[in-house]
């Protein structure tokens, strides 16, 4: 597997941007210069991340998310 990260990645298995192999390796996200551990999805080119909005759930039982805009940096975590 190469060390290049995709432009967009999601932790939701039903998403078309989900990559289980990459997520098991460990992906770190820095948003506005701050390390974030609660990111559900990110897009580097559009400059946003999605994070869970508290404990709220939608009608399908999935967590509600909000989109935050700003500079996004991603990297592979070293073991």
PDB file of N, CA and C in Angstrom:
ATOM      1  N   UNK A   1       0.845  -1.180   0.000  1.00  0.00           N
ATOM      2  CA  UNK A   1       0.000   0.000   0.000  1.00  0.00           C
ATOM      3  C   UNK A   1       0.891   1.245   0.000  1.00  0.00           C
ATOM      4  N   UNK A   2       0.533   2.217  -0.786  1.00  0.00           N
ATOM      5  CA  UNK A   2       1.344   3.435  -0.863  1.00  0.00           C
ATOM      6  C   UNK A   2       1.050   4.349   0.320  1.00  0.00           C
ATOM      7  N   UNK A   3       1.901   5.338   0.509  1.00  0.00           N
ATOM      8  CA  UNK A   3       1.734   6.274   1.616  1.00  0.00           C
ATOM      9  C   UNK A   3       0.960   7.521   1.230  1.00  0.00           C
ATOM     10  N   UNK A   4       0.357   7.556   0.052  1.00  0.00           N
ATOM     11  CA  UNK A   4      -0.436   8.714  -0.337  1.00  0.00           C
ATOM     12  C   UNK A   4      -1.838   8.571   0.229  1.00  0.00           C
ATOM     13  N   UNK A   5      -2.328   9.632   0.807  1.00  0.00           N
ATOM     14  CA  UNK A   5      -3.658   9.632   1.400  1.00  0.00           C
ATOM     15  C   UNK A   5      -4.674  10.189   0.413  1.00  0.00           C
ATOM     16  N   UNK A   6      -5.908   9.692   0.446  1.00  0.00           N
ATOM     17  CA  UNK A   6      -6.930  10.196  -0.478  1.00  0.00           C
ATOM     18  C   UNK A   6      -7.351  11.611  -0.119  1.00  0.00           C
ATOM     19  N   UNK A   7      -7.920  12.311  -1.097  1.00  0.00           N
ATOM     20  CA  UNK A   7      -8.412  13.669  -0.879  1.00  0.00           C
ATOM     21  C   UNK A   7      -9.593  13.669   0.088  1.00  0.00           C
ATOM     22  N   UNK A   8     -10.365  12.600   0.066  1.00  0.00           N
ATOM     23  CA  UNK A   8     -11.551  12.521   0.908  1.00  0.00           C
ATOM     24  C   UNK A   8     -11.631  11.134   1.534  1.00  0.00           C
ATOM     25  N   UNK A   9     -11.923  11.071   2.841  1.00  0.00           N
ATOM     26  CA  UNK A   9     -11.993   9.805   3.554  1.00  0.00           C
ATOM     27  C   UNK A   9     -13.083   9.884   4.604  1.00  0.00           C
ATOM     28  N   UNK A  10     -13.838   8.790   4.758  1.00  0.00           N
ATOM     29  CA  UNK A  10     -14.927   8.730   5.722  1.00  0.00           C
ATOM     30  C   UNK A  10     -14.773   7.507   6.602  1.00  0.00           C
ATOM     31  N   UNK A  11     -15.183   7.625   7.860  1.00  0.00           N
ATOM     32  CA  UNK A  11     -15.149   6.485   8.767  1.00  0.00           C
ATOM     33  C   UNK A  11     -16.459   5.702   8.737  1.00  0.00           C
ATOM     34  N   UNK A  12     -17.466   6.195   8.014  1.00  0.00           N
ATOM     35  CA  UNK A  12     -18.764   5.527   7.895  1.00  0.00           C
ATOM     36  C   UNK A  12     -18.676   4.413   6.855  1.00  0.00           C
ATOM     37  N   UNK A  13     -18.915   3.147   7.239  1.00  0.00           N
ATOM     38  CA  UNK A  13     -18.790   2.028   6.298  1.00  0.00           C
ATOM     39  C   UNK A  13     -19.755   2.096   5.112  1.00  0.00           C
ATOM     40  N   UNK A  14     -20.861   2.807   5.228  1.00  0.00           N
ATOM     41  CA  UNK A  14     -21.805   2.893   4.118  1.00  0.00           C
ATOM     42  C   UNK A  14     -21.441   3.981   3.103  1.00  0.00           C
ATOM     43  N   UNK A  15     -20.412   4.760   3.391  1.00  0.00           N
ATOM     44  CA  UNK A  15     -19.987   5.827   2.494  1.00  0.00           C
ATOM     45  C   UNK A  15     -19.115   5.284   1.370  1.00  0.00           C
ATOM     46  N   UNK A  16     -19.205   5.912   0.200  1.00  0.00           N
ATOM     47  CA  UNK A  16     -18.349   5.514  -0.917  1.00  0.00           C
ATOM     48  C   UNK A  16     -16.891   5.924  -0.693  1.00  0.00           C
ATOM     49  N   UNK A  17     -16.621   6.787   0.266  1.00  0.00           N
ATOM     50  CA  UNK A  17     -15.266   7.257   0.558  1.00  0.00           C
ATOM     51  C   UNK A  17     -14.628   6.506   1.722  1.00  0.00           C
ATOM     52  N   UNK A  18     -15.224   5.408   2.151  1.00  0.00           N
ATOM     53  CA  UNK A  18     -14.714   4.602   3.260  1.00  0.00           C
ATOM     54  C   UNK A  18     -13.606   3.673   2.755  1.00  0.00           C
ATOM     55  N   UNK A  19     -12.500   3.607   3.498  1.00  0.00           N
ATOM     56  CA  UNK A  19     -11.392   2.706   3.178  1.00  0.00           C
ATOM     57  C   UNK A  19     -10.925   2.065   4.479  1.00  0.00           C
ATOM     58  N   UNK A  20     -11.417   0.859   4.759  1.00  0.00           N
ATOM     59  CA  UNK A  20     -11.145   0.184   6.034  1.00  0.00           C
ATOM     60  C   UNK A  20      -9.661  -0.100   6.225  1.00  0.00           C
ATOM     61  N   UNK A  21      -8.969  -0.510   5.160  1.00  0.00           N
ATOM     62  CA  UNK A  21      -7.539  -0.827   5.280  1.00  0.00           C
ATOM     63  C   UNK A  21      -6.732   0.385   5.711  1.00  0.00           C
ATOM     64  N   UNK A  22      -7.039   1.513   5.129  1.00  0.00           N
ATOM     65  CA  UNK A  22      -6.326   2.745   5.462  1.00  0.00           C
ATOM     66  C   UNK A  22      -6.651   3.194   6.880  1.00  0.00           C
ATOM     67  N   UNK A  23      -7.898   3.064   7.299  1.00  0.00           N
ATOM     68  CA  UNK A  23      -8.292   3.485   8.637  1.00  0.00           C
ATOM     69  C   UNK A  23      -7.655   2.609   9.717  1.00  0.00           C
ATOM     70  N   UNK A  24      -7.431   1.330   9.425  1.00  0.00           N
ATOM     71  CA  UNK A  24      -6.779   0.468  10.414  1.00  0.00           C
ATOM     72  C   UNK A  24      -5.298   0.820  10.576  1.00  0.00           C
ATOM     73  N   UNK A  25      -4.683   1.369   9.531  1.00  0.00           N
ATOM     74  CA  UNK A  25      -3.284   1.830   9.639  1.00  0.00           C
ATOM     75  C   UNK A  25      -3.177   3.034  10.552  1.00  0.00           C
ATOM     76  N   UNK A  26      -4.229   3.857  10.592  1.00  0.00           N
ATOM     77  CA  UNK A  26      -4.243   5.042  11.438  1.00  0.00           C
ATOM     78  C   UNK A  26      -4.005   6.299  10.638  1.00  0.00           C
ATOM     79  N   UNK A  27      -4.997   7.163  10.601  1.00  0.00           N
ATOM     80  CA  UNK A  27      -4.909   8.432   9.888  1.00  0.00           C
ATOM     81  C   UNK A  27      -5.107   9.548  10.897  1.00  0.00           C
ATOM     82  N   UNK A  28      -4.169  10.468  10.944  1.00  0.00           N
ATOM     83  CA  UNK A  28      -4.272  11.618  11.826  1.00  0.00           C
ATOM     84  C   UNK A  28      -4.759  12.828  11.049  1.00  0.00           C
ATOM     85  N   UNK A  29      -5.547  13.676  11.714  1.00  0.00           N
ATOM     86  CA  UNK A  29      -6.100  14.873  11.076  1.00  0.00           C
ATOM     87  C   UNK A  29      -5.754  16.086  11.925  1.00  0.00           C
ATOM     88  N   UNK A  30      -5.174  17.075  11.287  1.00  0.00           N
ATOM     89  CA  UNK A  30      -4.890  18.369  11.904  1.00  0.00           C
ATOM     90  C   UNK A  30      -5.797  19.388  11.241  1.00  0.00           C
ATOM     91  N   UNK A  31      -6.648  20.027  12.033  1.00  0.00           N
ATOM     92  CA  UNK A  31      -7.591  21.010  11.518  1.00  0.00           C
ATOM     93  C   UNK A  31      -7.299  22.357  12.158  1.00  0.00           C
ATOM     94  N   UNK A  32      -6.988  23.349  11.327  1.00  0.00           N
ATOM     95  CA  UNK A  32      -6.595  24.686  11.795  1.00  0.00           C
ATOM     96  C   UNK A  32      -5.409  24.605  12.761  1.00  0.00           C
ATOM     97  N   UNK A  33      -4.487  23.684  12.466  1.00  0.00           N
ATOM     98  CA  UNK A  33      -3.280  23.548  13.268  1.00  0.00           C
ATOM     99  C   UNK A  33      -3.451  22.754  14.540  1.00  0.00           C
ATOM    100  N   UNK A  34      -4.649  22.256  14.826  1.00  0.00           N
ATOM    101  CA  UNK A  34      -4.925  21.523  16.057  1.00  0.00           C
ATOM    102  C   UNK A  34      -5.257  20.067  15.744  1.00  0.00           C
ATOM    103  N   UNK A  35      -4.680  19.144  16.506  1.00  0.00           N
ATOM    104  CA  UNK A  35      -4.940  17.718  16.318  1.00  0.00           C
ATOM    105  C   UNK A  35      -6.396  17.401  16.680  1.00  0.00           C
ATOM    106  N   UNK A  36      -7.110  16.727  15.761  1.00  0.00           N
ATOM    107  CA  UNK A  36      -8.504  16.348  16.005  1.00  0.00           C
ATOM    108  C   UNK A  36      -8.619  14.827  15.996  1.00  0.00           C
ATOM    109  N   UNK A  37      -9.305  14.279  16.982  1.00  0.00           N
ATOM    110  CA  UNK A  37      -9.479  12.829  17.072  1.00  0.00           C
ATOM    111  C   UNK A  37     -10.919  12.401  16.830  1.00  0.00           C
ATOM    112  N   UNK A  38     -11.849  13.349  16.682  1.00  0.00           N
ATOM    113  CA  UNK A  38     -13.262  13.021  16.531  1.00  0.00           C
ATOM    114  C   UNK A  38     -13.794  13.281  15.124  1.00  0.00           C
ATOM    115  N   UNK A  39     -12.944  13.179  14.124  1.00  0.00           N
ATOM    116  CA  UNK A  39     -13.343  13.482  12.748  1.00  0.00           C
ATOM    117  C   UNK A  39     -14.033  12.271  12.127  1.00  0.00           C
ATOM    118  N   UNK A  40     -15.236  12.473  11.601  1.00  0.00           N
ATOM    119  CA  UNK A  40     -15.984  11.414  10.924  1.00  0.00           C
ATOM    120  C   UNK A  40     -15.615  11.340   9.438  1.00  0.00           C
ATOM    121  N   UNK A  41     -15.350  12.494   8.820  1.00  0.00           N
ATOM    122  CA  UNK A  41     -15.033  12.569   7.393  1.00  0.00           C
ATOM    123  C   UNK A  41     -14.245  13.850   7.150  1.00  0.00           C
ATOM    124  N   UNK A  42     -13.385  13.821   6.121  1.00  0.00           N
ATOM    125  CA  UNK A  42     -12.647  15.031   5.765  1.00  0.00           C
ATOM    126  C   UNK A  42     -12.537  15.149   4.252  1.00  0.00           C
ATOM    127  N   UNK A  43     -12.288  16.371   3.781  1.00  0.00           N
ATOM    128  CA  UNK A  43     -11.991  16.635   2.382  1.00  0.00           C
ATOM    129  C   UNK A  43     -10.919  17.720   2.353  1.00  0.00           C
ATOM    130  N   UNK A  44      -9.758  17.364   1.824  1.00  0.00           N
ATOM    131  CA  UNK A  44      -8.630  18.298   1.810  1.00  0.00           C
ATOM    132  C   UNK A  44      -8.838  19.417   0.801  1.00  0.00           C
ATOM    133  N   UNK A  45      -9.246  19.056  -0.435  1.00  0.00           N
ATOM    134  CA  UNK A  45      -9.353  20.054  -1.504  1.00  0.00           C
ATOM    135  C   UNK A  45     -10.436  21.098  -1.226  1.00  0.00           C
ATOM    136  N   UNK A  46     -11.526  20.697  -0.581  1.00  0.00           N
ATOM    137  CA  UNK A  46     -12.603  21.643  -0.279  1.00  0.00           C
ATOM    138  C   UNK A  46     -12.413  22.305   1.081  1.00  0.00           C
ATOM    139  N   UNK A  47     -11.509  21.779   1.903  1.00  0.00           N
ATOM    140  CA  UNK A  47     -11.169  22.396   3.185  1.00  0.00           C
ATOM    141  C   UNK A  47     -12.243  22.264   4.245  1.00  0.00           C
ATOM    142  N   UNK A  48     -12.694  21.045   4.545  1.00  0.00           N
ATOM    143  CA  UNK A  48     -13.678  20.851   5.602  1.00  0.00           C
ATOM    144  C   UNK A  48     -13.515  19.489   6.262  1.00  0.00           C
ATOM    145  N   UNK A  49     -14.068  19.407   7.475  1.00  0.00           N
ATOM    146  CA  UNK A  49     -14.168  18.145   8.192  1.00  0.00           C
ATOM    147  C   UNK A  49     -15.591  18.031   8.719  1.00  0.00           C
ATOM    148  N   UNK A  50     -16.019  16.806   8.991  1.00  0.00           N
ATOM    149  CA  UNK A  50     -17.306  16.556   9.634  1.00  0.00           C
ATOM    150  C   UNK A  50     -17.023  15.924  10.990  1.00  0.00           C
ATOM    151  N   UNK A  51     -17.646  16.486  12.034  1.00  0.00           N
ATOM    152  CA  UNK A  51     -17.520  15.958  13.384  1.00  0.00           C
ATOM    153  C   UNK A  51     -18.909  15.708  13.947  1.00  0.00           C
ATOM    154  N   UNK A  52     -18.996  14.803  14.901  1.00  0.00           N
ATOM    155  CA  UNK A  52     -20.268  14.465  15.510  1.00  0.00           C
ATOM    156  C   UNK A  52     -20.776  15.636  16.335  1.00  0.00           C
ATOM    157  N   UNK A  53     -22.088  15.898  16.244  1.00  0.00           N
ATOM    158  CA  UNK A  53     -22.719  17.007  16.960  1.00  0.00           C
ATOM    159  C   UNK A  53     -23.336  16.484  18.252  1.00  0.00           C
ATOM    160  N   UNK A  54     -22.543  16.352  19.285  1.00  0.00           N
ATOM    161  CA  UNK A  54     -23.040  15.876  20.572  1.00  0.00           C
ATOM    162  C   UNK A  54     -23.498  14.434  20.509  1.00  0.00           C
ATOM    163  N   UNK A  55     -24.579  14.133  21.227  1.00  0.00           N
ATOM    164  CA  UNK A  55     -25.108  12.770  21.261  1.00  0.00           C
ATOM    165  C   UNK A  55     -26.334  12.616  20.372  1.00  0.00           C
ATOM    166  N   UNK A  56     -26.652  13.622  19.577  1.00  0.00           N
ATOM    167  CA  UNK A  56     -27.847  13.594  18.733  1.00  0.00           C
ATOM    168  C   UNK A  56     -27.733  12.531  17.647  1.00  0.00           C
ATOM    169  N   UNK A  57     -28.851  11.885  17.349  1.00  0.00           N
ATOM    170  CA  UNK A  57     -28.920  10.853  16.318  1.00  0.00           C
ATOM    171  C   UNK A  57     -30.000  11.237  15.300  1.00  0.00           C
ATOM    172  N   UNK A  58     -29.814  10.787  14.055  1.00  0.00           N
ATOM    173  CA  UNK A  58     -30.857  11.011  13.059  1.00  0.00           C
ATOM    174  C   UNK A  58     -31.881   9.876  13.146  1.00  0.00           C
ATOM    175  N   UNK A  59     -32.852   9.861  12.263  1.00  0.00           N
ATOM    176  CA  UNK A  59     -33.930   8.868  12.352  1.00  0.00           C
ATOM    177  C   UNK A  59     -33.463   7.453  12.027  1.00  0.00           C
ATOM    178  N   UNK A  60     -32.297   7.316  11.432  1.00  0.00           N
ATOM    179  CA  UNK A  60     -31.737   5.994  11.143  1.00  0.00           C
ATOM    180  C   UNK A  60     -30.776   5.516  12.229  1.00  0.00           C
ATOM    181  N   UNK A  61     -30.603   6.311  13.272  1.00  0.00           N
ATOM    182  CA  UNK A  61     -29.723   5.946  14.374  1.00  0.00           C
ATOM    183  C   UNK A  61     -28.276   6.347  14.179  1.00  0.00           C
ATOM    184  N   UNK A  62     -27.971   7.052  13.082  1.00  0.00           N
ATOM    185  CA  UNK A  62     -26.613   7.523  12.816  1.00  0.00           C
ATOM    186  C   UNK A  62     -26.384   8.854  13.545  1.00  0.00           C
ATOM    187  N   UNK A  63     -25.162   9.121  13.986  1.00  0.00           N
ATOM    188  CA  UNK A  63     -24.901  10.398  14.666  1.00  0.00           C
ATOM    189  C   UNK A  63     -25.040  11.581  13.702  1.00  0.00           C
ATOM    190  N   UNK A  64     -25.604  12.671  14.213  1.00  0.00           N
ATOM    191  CA  UNK A  64     -25.676  13.902  13.423  1.00  0.00           C
ATOM    192  C   UNK A  64     -24.288  14.524  13.382  1.00  0.00           C
ATOM    193  N   UNK A  65     -23.920  15.062  12.237  1.00  0.00           N
ATOM    194  CA  UNK A  65     -22.605  15.672  12.082  1.00  0.00           C
ATOM    195  C   UNK A  65     -22.748  17.117  11.634  1.00  0.00           C
ATOM    196  N   UNK A  66     -21.725  17.895  11.934  1.00  0.00           N
ATOM    197  CA  UNK A  66     -21.655  19.269  11.443  1.00  0.00           C
ATOM    198  C   UNK A  66     -20.375  19.419  10.634  1.00  0.00           C
ATOM    199  N   UNK A  67     -20.428  20.309   9.658  1.00  0.00           N
ATOM    200  CA  UNK A  67     -19.276  20.547   8.794  1.00  0.00           C
ATOM    201  C   UNK A  67     -18.552  21.803   9.273  1.00  0.00           C
ATOM    202  N   UNK A  68     -17.254  21.656   9.508  1.00  0.00           N
ATOM    203  CA  UNK A  68     -16.402  22.777   9.901  1.00  0.00           C
ATOM    204  C   UNK A  68     -15.451  23.066   8.757  1.00  0.00           C
ATOM    205  N   UNK A  69     -15.311  24.341   8.396  1.00  0.00           N
ATOM    206  CA  UNK A  69     -14.460  24.714   7.276  1.00  0.00           C
ATOM    207  C   UNK A  69     -13.175  25.350   7.771  1.00  0.00           C
ATOM    208  N   UNK A  70     -12.081  24.999   7.073  1.00  0.00           N
ATOM    209  CA  UNK A  70     -10.774  25.530   7.411  1.00  0.00           C
ATOM    210  C   UNK A  70      -9.692  24.660   6.801  1.00  0.00           C
ATOM    211  N   UNK A  71      -8.427  25.000   7.034  1.00  0.00           N
ATOM    212  CA  UNK A  71      -7.327  24.205   6.474  1.00  0.00           C
ATOM    213  C   UNK A  71      -7.239  22.830   7.129  1.00  0.00           C
ATOM    214  N   UNK A  72      -7.118  21.798   6.292  1.00  0.00           N
ATOM    215  CA  UNK A  72      -7.068  20.404   6.751  1.00  0.00           C
ATOM    216  C   UNK A  72      -5.741  19.786   6.337  1.00  0.00           C
ATOM    217  N   UNK A  73      -5.055  19.150   7.289  1.00  0.00           N
ATOM    218  CA  UNK A  73      -3.824  18.415   7.014  1.00  0.00           C
ATOM    219  C   UNK A  73      -4.024  16.988   7.525  1.00  0.00           C
ATOM    220  N   UNK A  74      -3.687  16.004   6.708  1.00  0.00           N
ATOM    221  CA  UNK A  74      -3.803  14.607   7.136  1.00  0.00           C
ATOM    222  C   UNK A  74      -2.460  13.915   7.002  1.00  0.00           C
ATOM    223  N   UNK A  75      -2.251  12.887   7.817  1.00  0.00           N
ATOM    224  CA  UNK A  75      -0.996  12.145   7.802  1.00  0.00           C
ATOM    225  C   UNK A  75      -1.246  10.746   8.334  1.00  0.00           C
ATOM    226  N   UNK A  76      -0.355   9.833   8.019  1.00  0.00           N
ATOM    227  CA  UNK A  76      -0.412   8.486   8.557  1.00  0.00           C
ATOM    228  C   UNK A  76       0.259   8.492   9.929  1.00  0.00           C
ATOM    229  N   UNK A  77      -0.379   7.859  10.898  1.00  0.00           N
ATOM    230  CA  UNK A  77       0.217   7.771  12.230  1.00  0.00           C
ATOM    231  C   UNK A  77       1.282   6.696  12.235  1.00  0.00           C
ATOM    232  N   UNK A  78       2.395   6.971  12.867  1.00  0.00           N
ATOM    233  CA  UNK A  78       3.487   6.010  12.971  1.00  0.00           C
ATOM    234  C   UNK A  78       3.254   5.102  14.168  1.00  0.00           C
ATOM    235  N   UNK A  79       3.568   3.839  14.000  1.00  0.00           N
ATOM    236  CA  UNK A  79       3.402   2.878  15.104  1.00  0.00           C
ATOM    237  C   UNK A  79       4.530   2.974  16.087  1.00  0.00           C
TER     238      UNK A  79
END
